[in-house]
Amino acid sequence: MNAANGEPAPDGDFGTAARPPRSPCINVCRMNPATGWCDGCLRTIDEIAGWSSFDEAARRAVWLAIEDRHGQLMRAPAPRPGAPE
């Protein structure tokens, strides 16, 4: 799936008391220069690099940011074919 192309963002996995939030990575690793987000998981490069060292609260904050970014992309007008970007 590719969240930046209008497909659903990864399901938010905020974890539980027994299990920490899972990584949002969906193996579509391509940074978008216009947004600064990965086209696959909608994280910033700092969020990607820091994920393994983030505590659970920081990981949940990243998931909330991803949901917000997905909403922003869904509200943005679609580019017209042939129009300059």
PDB file of N, CA and C in Angstrom:
ATOM      1  N   MET A   1       0.839  -1.180   0.000  1.00  0.00           N
ATOM      2  CA  MET A   1       0.000   0.000   0.000  1.00  0.00           C
ATOM      3  C   MET A   1       0.878   1.235   0.000  1.00  0.00           C
ATOM      4  N   ASN A   2       0.355   2.326  -0.502  1.00  0.00           N
ATOM      5  CA  ASN A   2       1.117   3.550  -0.583  1.00  0.00           C
ATOM      6  C   ASN A   2       0.244   4.688  -0.106  1.00  0.00           C
ATOM      7  N   ALA A   3       0.449   5.144   1.097  1.00  0.00           N
ATOM      8  CA  ALA A   3      -0.393   6.172   1.699  1.00  0.00           C
ATOM      9  C   ALA A   3      -0.340   7.478   0.924  1.00  0.00           C
ATOM     10  N   ALA A   4       0.783   7.805   0.336  1.00  0.00           N
ATOM     11  CA  ALA A   4       0.915   9.067  -0.375  1.00  0.00           C
ATOM     12  C   ALA A   4       0.139   9.081  -1.685  1.00  0.00           C
ATOM     13  N   ASN A   5      -0.235   7.932  -2.199  1.00  0.00           N
ATOM     14  CA  ASN A   5      -1.002   7.864  -3.436  1.00  0.00           C
ATOM     15  C   ASN A   5      -2.484   7.639  -3.186  1.00  0.00           C
ATOM     16  N   GLY A   6      -2.949   7.951  -2.000  1.00  0.00           N
ATOM     17  CA  GLY A   6      -4.364   7.859  -1.709  1.00  0.00           C
ATOM     18  C   GLY A   6      -4.824   6.537  -1.178  1.00  0.00           C
ATOM     19  N   GLU A   7      -3.916   5.596  -1.031  1.00  0.00           N
ATOM     20  CA  GLU A   7      -4.295   4.320  -0.446  1.00  0.00           C
ATOM     21  C   GLU A   7      -4.288   4.463   1.063  1.00  0.00           C
ATOM     22  N   PRO A   8      -4.952   3.581   1.761  1.00  0.00           N
ATOM     23  CA  PRO A   8      -5.030   3.703   3.214  1.00  0.00           C
ATOM     24  C   PRO A   8      -3.658   3.724   3.871  1.00  0.00           C
ATOM     25  N   ALA A   9      -3.547   4.536   4.897  1.00  0.00           N
ATOM     26  CA  ALA A   9      -2.323   4.541   5.702  1.00  0.00           C
ATOM     27  C   ALA A   9      -2.266   3.239   6.479  1.00  0.00           C
ATOM     28  N   PRO A  10      -1.083   2.888   6.967  1.00  0.00           N
ATOM     29  CA  PRO A  10      -1.010   1.686   7.798  1.00  0.00           C
ATOM     30  C   PRO A  10      -1.983   1.797   8.964  1.00  0.00           C
ATOM     31  N   ASP A  11      -2.599   0.683   9.317  1.00  0.00           N
ATOM     32  CA  ASP A  11      -3.505   0.702  10.462  1.00  0.00           C
ATOM     33  C   ASP A  11      -2.723   1.120  11.686  1.00  0.00           C
ATOM     34  N   GLY A  12      -3.242   2.113  12.403  1.00  0.00           N
ATOM     35  CA  GLY A  12      -2.574   2.574  13.611  1.00  0.00           C
ATOM     36  C   GLY A  12      -2.515   1.460  14.639  1.00  0.00           C
ATOM     37  N   ASP A  13      -1.337   1.109  15.040  1.00  0.00           N
ATOM     38  CA  ASP A  13      -1.162   0.091  16.067  1.00  0.00           C
ATOM     39  C   ASP A  13      -0.523   0.769  17.255  1.00  0.00           C
ATOM     40  N   PHE A  14      -1.369   1.259  18.142  1.00  0.00           N
ATOM     41  CA  PHE A  14      -0.893   2.014  19.286  1.00  0.00           C
ATOM     42  C   PHE A  14      -0.402   1.104  20.400  1.00  0.00           C
ATOM     43  N   GLY A  15      -0.471  -0.191  20.201  1.00  0.00           N
ATOM     44  CA  GLY A  15       0.016  -1.138  21.182  1.00  0.00           C
ATOM     45  C   GLY A  15      -0.934  -1.289  22.355  1.00  0.00           C
ATOM     46  N   THR A  16      -0.507  -2.089  23.302  1.00  0.00           N
ATOM     47  CA  THR A  16      -1.262  -2.329  24.530  1.00  0.00           C
ATOM     48  C   THR A  16      -0.271  -2.324  25.679  1.00  0.00           C
ATOM     49  N   ALA A  17      -0.775  -2.513  26.877  1.00  0.00           N
ATOM     50  CA  ALA A  17       0.119  -2.573  28.035  1.00  0.00           C
ATOM     51  C   ALA A  17       1.101  -3.729  27.899  1.00  0.00           C
ATOM     52  N   ALA A  18       0.686  -4.800  27.227  1.00  0.00           N
ATOM     53  CA  ALA A  18       1.543  -5.977  27.085  1.00  0.00           C
ATOM     54  C   ALA A  18       2.402  -5.942  25.822  1.00  0.00           C
ATOM     55  N   ARG A  19       2.065  -5.075  24.870  1.00  0.00           N
ATOM     56  CA  ARG A  19       2.765  -5.065  23.585  1.00  0.00           C
ATOM     57  C   ARG A  19       2.964  -3.626  23.112  1.00  0.00           C
ATOM     58  N   PRO A  20       4.194  -3.243  22.797  1.00  0.00           N
ATOM     59  CA  PRO A  20       4.440  -1.878  22.322  1.00  0.00           C
ATOM     60  C   PRO A  20       3.899  -1.674  20.909  1.00  0.00           C
ATOM     61  N   PRO A  21       3.721  -0.412  20.488  1.00  0.00           N
ATOM     62  CA  PRO A  21       3.250  -0.145  19.124  1.00  0.00           C
ATOM     63  C   PRO A  21       4.217  -0.721  18.095  1.00  0.00           C
ATOM     64  N   ARG A  22       3.667  -1.290  17.030  1.00  0.00           N
ATOM     65  CA  ARG A  22       4.510  -1.855  15.976  1.00  0.00           C
ATOM     66  C   ARG A  22       4.994  -0.737  15.052  1.00  0.00           C
ATOM     67  N   SER A  23       6.013  -1.039  14.287  1.00  0.00           N
ATOM     68  CA  SER A  23       6.550  -0.078  13.326  1.00  0.00           C
ATOM     69  C   SER A  23       5.529   0.173  12.220  1.00  0.00           C
ATOM     70  N   PRO A  24       5.401   1.418  11.782  1.00  0.00           N
ATOM     71  CA  PRO A  24       4.485   1.722  10.679  1.00  0.00           C
ATOM     72  C   PRO A  24       5.046   1.366   9.302  1.00  0.00           C
ATOM     73  N   CYS A  25       6.280   0.906   9.232  1.00  0.00           N
ATOM     74  CA  CYS A  25       6.921   0.629   7.945  1.00  0.00           C
ATOM     75  C   CYS A  25       6.138  -0.424   7.157  1.00  0.00           C
ATOM     76  N   ILE A  26       5.910  -0.123   5.869  1.00  0.00           N
ATOM     77  CA  ILE A  26       5.245  -1.079   4.979  1.00  0.00           C
ATOM     78  C   ILE A  26       6.145  -1.429   3.796  1.00  0.00           C
ATOM     79  N   ASN A  27       7.441  -1.154   3.934  1.00  0.00           N
ATOM     80  CA  ASN A  27       8.449  -1.485   2.926  1.00  0.00           C
ATOM     81  C   ASN A  27       8.247  -0.773   1.596  1.00  0.00           C
ATOM     82  N   VAL A  28       7.736   0.440   1.649  1.00  0.00           N
ATOM     83  CA  VAL A  28       7.706   1.348   0.504  1.00  0.00           C
ATOM     84  C   VAL A  28       8.545   2.543   0.951  1.00  0.00           C
ATOM     85  N   CYS A  29       9.844   2.380   0.898  1.00  0.00           N
ATOM     86  CA  CYS A  29      10.764   3.341   1.509  1.00  0.00           C
ATOM     87  C   CYS A  29      11.271   4.330   0.469  1.00  0.00           C
ATOM     88  N   ARG A  30      10.577   5.457   0.395  1.00  0.00           N
ATOM     89  CA  ARG A  30      10.926   6.498  -0.573  1.00  0.00           C
ATOM     90  C   ARG A  30      10.520   7.832   0.040  1.00  0.00           C
ATOM     91  N   MET A  31      11.503   8.703   0.275  1.00  0.00           N
ATOM     92  CA  MET A  31      11.208   9.996   0.877  1.00  0.00           C
ATOM     93  C   MET A  31      10.655  10.945  -0.181  1.00  0.00           C
ATOM     94  N   ASN A  32       9.581  11.625   0.158  1.00  0.00           N
ATOM     95  CA  ASN A  32       8.944  12.569  -0.741  1.00  0.00           C
ATOM     96  C   ASN A  32       9.535  13.951  -0.468  1.00  0.00           C
ATOM     97  N   PRO A  33      10.227  14.553  -1.437  1.00  0.00           N
ATOM     98  CA  PRO A  33      10.853  15.849  -1.182  1.00  0.00           C
ATOM     99  C   PRO A  33       9.845  16.971  -0.940  1.00  0.00           C
ATOM    100  N   ALA A  34       8.636  16.831  -1.456  1.00  0.00           N
ATOM    101  CA  ALA A  34       7.626  17.877  -1.266  1.00  0.00           C
ATOM    102  C   ALA A  34       7.086  17.902   0.161  1.00  0.00           C
ATOM    103  N   THR A  35       6.948  16.730   0.777  1.00  0.00           N
ATOM    104  CA  THR A  35       6.376  16.667   2.125  1.00  0.00           C
ATOM    105  C   THR A  35       7.421  16.414   3.202  1.00  0.00           C
ATOM    106  N   GLY A  36       8.522  15.776   2.830  1.00  0.00           N
ATOM    107  CA  GLY A  36       9.508  15.360   3.824  1.00  0.00           C
ATOM    108  C   GLY A  36       9.113  14.075   4.533  1.00  0.00           C
ATOM    109  N   TRP A  37       8.100  13.393   4.017  1.00  0.00           N
ATOM    110  CA  TRP A  37       7.600  12.148   4.612  1.00  0.00           C
ATOM    111  C   TRP A  37       7.910  10.986   3.680  1.00  0.00           C
ATOM    112  N   CYS A  38       8.032   9.805   4.267  1.00  0.00           N
ATOM    113  CA  CYS A  38       8.154   8.587   3.479  1.00  0.00           C
ATOM    114  C   CYS A  38       6.825   8.354   2.755  1.00  0.00           C
ATOM    115  N   ASP A  39       6.885   8.018   1.471  1.00  0.00           N
ATOM    116  CA  ASP A  39       5.653   7.756   0.716  1.00  0.00           C
ATOM    117  C   ASP A  39       4.901   6.540   1.234  1.00  0.00           C
ATOM    118  N   GLY A  40       5.589   5.618   1.878  1.00  0.00           N
ATOM    119  CA  GLY A  40       4.933   4.414   2.378  1.00  0.00           C
ATOM    120  C   GLY A  40       4.302   4.585   3.741  1.00  0.00           C
ATOM    121  N   CYS A  41       5.099   5.041   4.718  1.00  0.00           N
ATOM    122  CA  CYS A  41       4.607   5.068   6.105  1.00  0.00           C
ATOM    123  C   CYS A  41       4.300   6.469   6.617  1.00  0.00           C
ATOM    124  N   LEU A  42       4.614   7.485   5.852  1.00  0.00           N
ATOM    125  CA  LEU A  42       4.345   8.884   6.200  1.00  0.00           C
ATOM    126  C   LEU A  42       5.140   9.389   7.402  1.00  0.00           C
ATOM    127  N   ARG A  43       6.264   8.732   7.694  1.00  0.00           N
ATOM    128  CA  ARG A  43       7.128   9.234   8.767  1.00  0.00           C
ATOM    129  C   ARG A  43       8.200  10.146   8.187  1.00  0.00           C
ATOM    130  N   THR A  44       8.732  11.038   9.046  1.00  0.00           N
ATOM    131  CA  THR A  44       9.885  11.848   8.673  1.00  0.00           C
ATOM    132  C   THR A  44      11.138  10.994   8.802  1.00  0.00           C
ATOM    133  N   ILE A  45      12.229  11.473   8.241  1.00  0.00           N
ATOM    134  CA  ILE A  45      13.481  10.718   8.344  1.00  0.00           C
ATOM    135  C   ILE A  45      13.917  10.598   9.803  1.00  0.00           C
ATOM    136  N   ASP A  46      13.680  11.634  10.614  1.00  0.00           N
ATOM    137  CA  ASP A  46      14.031  11.566  12.038  1.00  0.00           C
ATOM    138  C   ASP A  46      13.187  10.524  12.770  1.00  0.00           C
ATOM    139  N   GLU A  47      11.907  10.427  12.401  1.00  0.00           N
ATOM    140  CA  GLU A  47      11.040   9.420  13.028  1.00  0.00           C
ATOM    141  C   GLU A  47      11.462   8.009  12.631  1.00  0.00           C
ATOM    142  N   ILE A  48      11.862   7.844  11.384  1.00  0.00           N
ATOM    143  CA  ILE A  48      12.320   6.532  10.920  1.00  0.00           C
ATOM    144  C   ILE A  48      13.611   6.153  11.636  1.00  0.00           C
ATOM    145  N   ALA A  49      14.559   7.079  11.660  1.00  0.00           N
ATOM    146  CA  ALA A  49      15.862   6.796  12.270  1.00  0.00           C
ATOM    147  C   ALA A  49      15.754   6.552  13.770  1.00  0.00           C
ATOM    148  N   GLY A  50      14.838   7.242  14.429  1.00  0.00           N
ATOM    149  CA  GLY A  50      14.740   7.127  15.873  1.00  0.00           C
ATOM    150  C   GLY A  50      13.803   6.059  16.386  1.00  0.00           C
ATOM    151  N   TRP A  51      13.030   5.437  15.499  1.00  0.00           N
ATOM    152  CA  TRP A  51      11.979   4.515  15.932  1.00  0.00           C
ATOM    153  C   TRP A  51      12.477   3.471  16.931  1.00  0.00           C
ATOM    154  N   SER A  52      13.597   2.841  16.648  1.00  0.00           N
ATOM    155  CA  SER A  52      14.060   1.744  17.509  1.00  0.00           C
ATOM    156  C   SER A  52      14.446   2.218  18.905  1.00  0.00           C
ATOM    157  N   SER A  53      14.764   3.490  19.061  1.00  0.00           N
ATOM    158  CA  SER A  53      15.136   4.002  20.384  1.00  0.00           C
ATOM    159  C   SER A  53      14.001   4.757  21.071  1.00  0.00           C
ATOM    160  N   PHE A  54      12.883   4.975  20.377  1.00  0.00           N
ATOM    161  CA  PHE A  54      11.755   5.698  20.970  1.00  0.00           C
ATOM    162  C   PHE A  54      11.085   4.859  22.048  1.00  0.00           C
ATOM    163  N   ASP A  55      10.632   5.530  23.111  1.00  0.00           N
ATOM    164  CA  ASP A  55       9.815   4.830  24.098  1.00  0.00           C
ATOM    165  C   ASP A  55       8.392   4.717  23.555  1.00  0.00           C
ATOM    166  N   GLU A  56       7.538   4.021  24.284  1.00  0.00           N
ATOM    167  CA  GLU A  56       6.177   3.775  23.788  1.00  0.00           C
ATOM    168  C   GLU A  56       5.392   5.059  23.576  1.00  0.00           C
ATOM    169  N   ALA A  57       5.564   6.042  24.442  1.00  0.00           N
ATOM    170  CA  ALA A  57       4.846   7.310  24.286  1.00  0.00           C
ATOM    171  C   ALA A  57       5.269   8.010  22.998  1.00  0.00           C
ATOM    172  N   ALA A  58       6.552   8.002  22.701  1.00  0.00           N
ATOM    173  CA  ALA A  58       7.041   8.632  21.471  1.00  0.00           C
ATOM    174  C   ALA A  58       6.527   7.887  20.243  1.00  0.00           C
ATOM    175  N   ARG A  59       6.480   6.564  20.322  1.00  0.00           N
ATOM    176  CA  ARG A  59       5.961   5.783  19.195  1.00  0.00           C
ATOM    177  C   ARG A  59       4.476   6.071  18.975  1.00  0.00           C
ATOM    178  N   ARG A  60       3.722   6.189  20.043  1.00  0.00           N
ATOM    179  CA  ARG A  60       2.299   6.534  19.901  1.00  0.00           C
ATOM    180  C   ARG A  60       2.146   7.926  19.291  1.00  0.00           C
ATOM    181  N   ALA A  61       3.019   8.852  19.675  1.00  0.00           N
ATOM    182  CA  ALA A  61       2.980  10.204  19.107  1.00  0.00           C
ATOM    183  C   ALA A  61       3.258  10.167  17.602  1.00  0.00           C
ATOM    184  N   VAL A  62       4.167   9.307  17.180  1.00  0.00           N
ATOM    185  CA  VAL A  62       4.443   9.157  15.747  1.00  0.00           C
ATOM    186  C   VAL A  62       3.203   8.628  15.036  1.00  0.00           C
ATOM    187  N   TRP A  63       2.540   7.622  15.602  1.00  0.00           N
ATOM    188  CA  TRP A  63       1.314   7.090  14.989  1.00  0.00           C
ATOM    189  C   TRP A  63       0.246   8.175  14.868  1.00  0.00           C
ATOM    190  N   LEU A  64       0.110   9.019  15.882  1.00  0.00           N
ATOM    191  CA  LEU A  64      -0.865  10.112  15.804  1.00  0.00           C
ATOM    192  C   LEU A  64      -0.491  11.086  14.694  1.00  0.00           C
ATOM    193  N   ALA A  65       0.799  11.383  14.557  1.00  0.00           N
ATOM    194  CA  ALA A  65       1.252  12.267  13.485  1.00  0.00           C
ATOM    195  C   ALA A  65       0.972  11.646  12.116  1.00  0.00           C
ATOM    196  N   ILE A  66       1.173  10.339  11.994  1.00  0.00           N
ATOM    197  CA  ILE A  66       0.898   9.646  10.731  1.00  0.00           C
ATOM    198  C   ILE A  66      -0.581   9.778  10.371  1.00  0.00           C
ATOM    199  N   GLU A  67      -1.444   9.585  11.334  1.00  0.00           N
ATOM    200  CA  GLU A  67      -2.884   9.714  11.059  1.00  0.00           C
ATOM    201  C   GLU A  67      -3.225  11.129  10.601  1.00  0.00           C
ATOM    202  N   ASP A  68      -2.611  12.131  11.228  1.00  0.00           N
ATOM    203  CA  ASP A  68      -2.842  13.518  10.830  1.00  0.00           C
ATOM    204  C   ASP A  68      -2.329  13.761   9.409  1.00  0.00           C
ATOM    205  N   ARG A  69      -1.153  13.266   9.110  1.00  0.00           N
ATOM    206  CA  ARG A  69      -0.580  13.440   7.768  1.00  0.00           C
ATOM    207  C   ARG A  69      -1.428  12.751   6.706  1.00  0.00           C
ATOM    208  N   HIS A  70      -1.922  11.572   7.018  1.00  0.00           N
ATOM    209  CA  HIS A  70      -2.788  10.868   6.070  1.00  0.00           C
ATOM    210  C   HIS A  70      -4.030  11.708   5.792  1.00  0.00           C
ATOM    211  N   GLY A  71      -4.613  12.290   6.831  1.00  0.00           N
ATOM    212  CA  GLY A  71      -5.766  13.167   6.652  1.00  0.00           C
ATOM    213  C   GLY A  71      -5.439  14.367   5.776  1.00  0.00           C
ATOM    214  N   GLN A  72      -4.265  14.942   5.967  1.00  0.00           N
ATOM    215  CA  GLN A  72      -3.845  16.072   5.137  1.00  0.00           C
ATOM    216  C   GLN A  72      -3.758  15.666   3.671  1.00  0.00           C
ATOM    217  N   LEU A  73      -3.192  14.507   3.412  1.00  0.00           N
ATOM    218  CA  LEU A  73      -3.072  14.036   2.032  1.00  0.00           C
ATOM    219  C   LEU A  73      -4.434  13.774   1.405  1.00  0.00           C
ATOM    220  N   MET A  74      -5.359  13.254   2.176  1.00  0.00           N
ATOM    221  CA  MET A  74      -6.688  12.950   1.644  1.00  0.00           C
ATOM    222  C   MET A  74      -7.479  14.229   1.359  1.00  0.00           C
ATOM    223  N   ARG A  75      -7.187  15.305   2.069  1.00  0.00           N
ATOM    224  CA  ARG A  75      -7.877  16.578   1.844  1.00  0.00           C
ATOM    225  C   ARG A  75      -7.238  17.403   0.735  1.00  0.00           C
ATOM    226  N   ALA A  76      -5.997  17.101   0.377  1.00  0.00           N
ATOM    227  CA  ALA A  76      -5.282  17.869  -0.643  1.00  0.00           C
ATOM    228  C   ALA A  76      -5.875  17.576  -2.017  1.00  0.00           C
ATOM    229  N   PRO A  77      -5.965  18.604  -2.867  1.00  0.00           N
ATOM    230  CA  PRO A  77      -6.479  18.354  -4.218  1.00  0.00           C
ATOM    231  C   PRO A  77      -5.536  17.438  -4.990  1.00  0.00           C
ATOM    232  N   ALA A  78      -6.120  16.574  -5.787  1.00  0.00           N
ATOM    233  CA  ALA A  78      -5.329  15.648  -6.607  1.00  0.00           C
ATOM    234  C   ALA A  78      -4.665  16.427  -7.735  1.00  0.00           C
ATOM    235  N   PRO A  79      -3.413  16.107  -8.067  1.00  0.00           N
ATOM    236  CA  PRO A  79      -2.751  16.796  -9.181  1.00  0.00           C
ATOM    237  C   PRO A  79      -3.428  16.455 -10.499  1.00  0.00           C
ATOM    238  N   ARG A  80      -3.492  17.437 -11.384  1.00  0.00           N
ATOM    239  CA  ARG A  80      -4.071  17.220 -12.711  1.00  0.00           C
ATOM    240  C   ARG A  80      -3.013  16.613 -13.619  1.00  0.00           C
ATOM    241  N   PRO A  81      -3.391  15.651 -14.451  1.00  0.00           N
ATOM    242  CA  PRO A  81      -2.421  15.072 -15.388  1.00  0.00           C
ATOM    243  C   PRO A  81      -1.841  16.161 -16.285  1.00  0.00           C
ATOM    244  N   GLY A  82      -0.525  16.173 -16.416  1.00  0.00           N
ATOM    245  CA  GLY A  82       0.140  17.146 -17.277  1.00  0.00           C
ATOM    246  C   GLY A  82       0.387  18.493 -16.633  1.00  0.00           C
ATOM    247  N   ALA A  83      -0.165  18.728 -15.450  1.00  0.00           N
ATOM    248  CA  ALA A  83       0.039  20.011 -14.771  1.00  0.00           C
ATOM    249  C   ALA A  83       1.385  19.997 -14.063  1.00  0.00           C
ATOM    250  N   PRO A  84       2.071  21.141 -14.054  1.00  0.00           N
ATOM    251  CA  PRO A  84       3.344  21.186 -13.315  1.00  0.00           C
ATOM    252  C   PRO A  84       3.104  20.988 -11.830  1.00  0.00           C
ATOM    253  N   GLU A  85       4.052  20.320 -11.180  1.00  0.00           N
ATOM    254  CA  GLU A  85       3.895  20.043  -9.746  1.00  0.00           C
ATOM    255  C   GLU A  85       4.439  21.169  -8.923  1.00  0.00           C
TER     256      GLU A  85
END
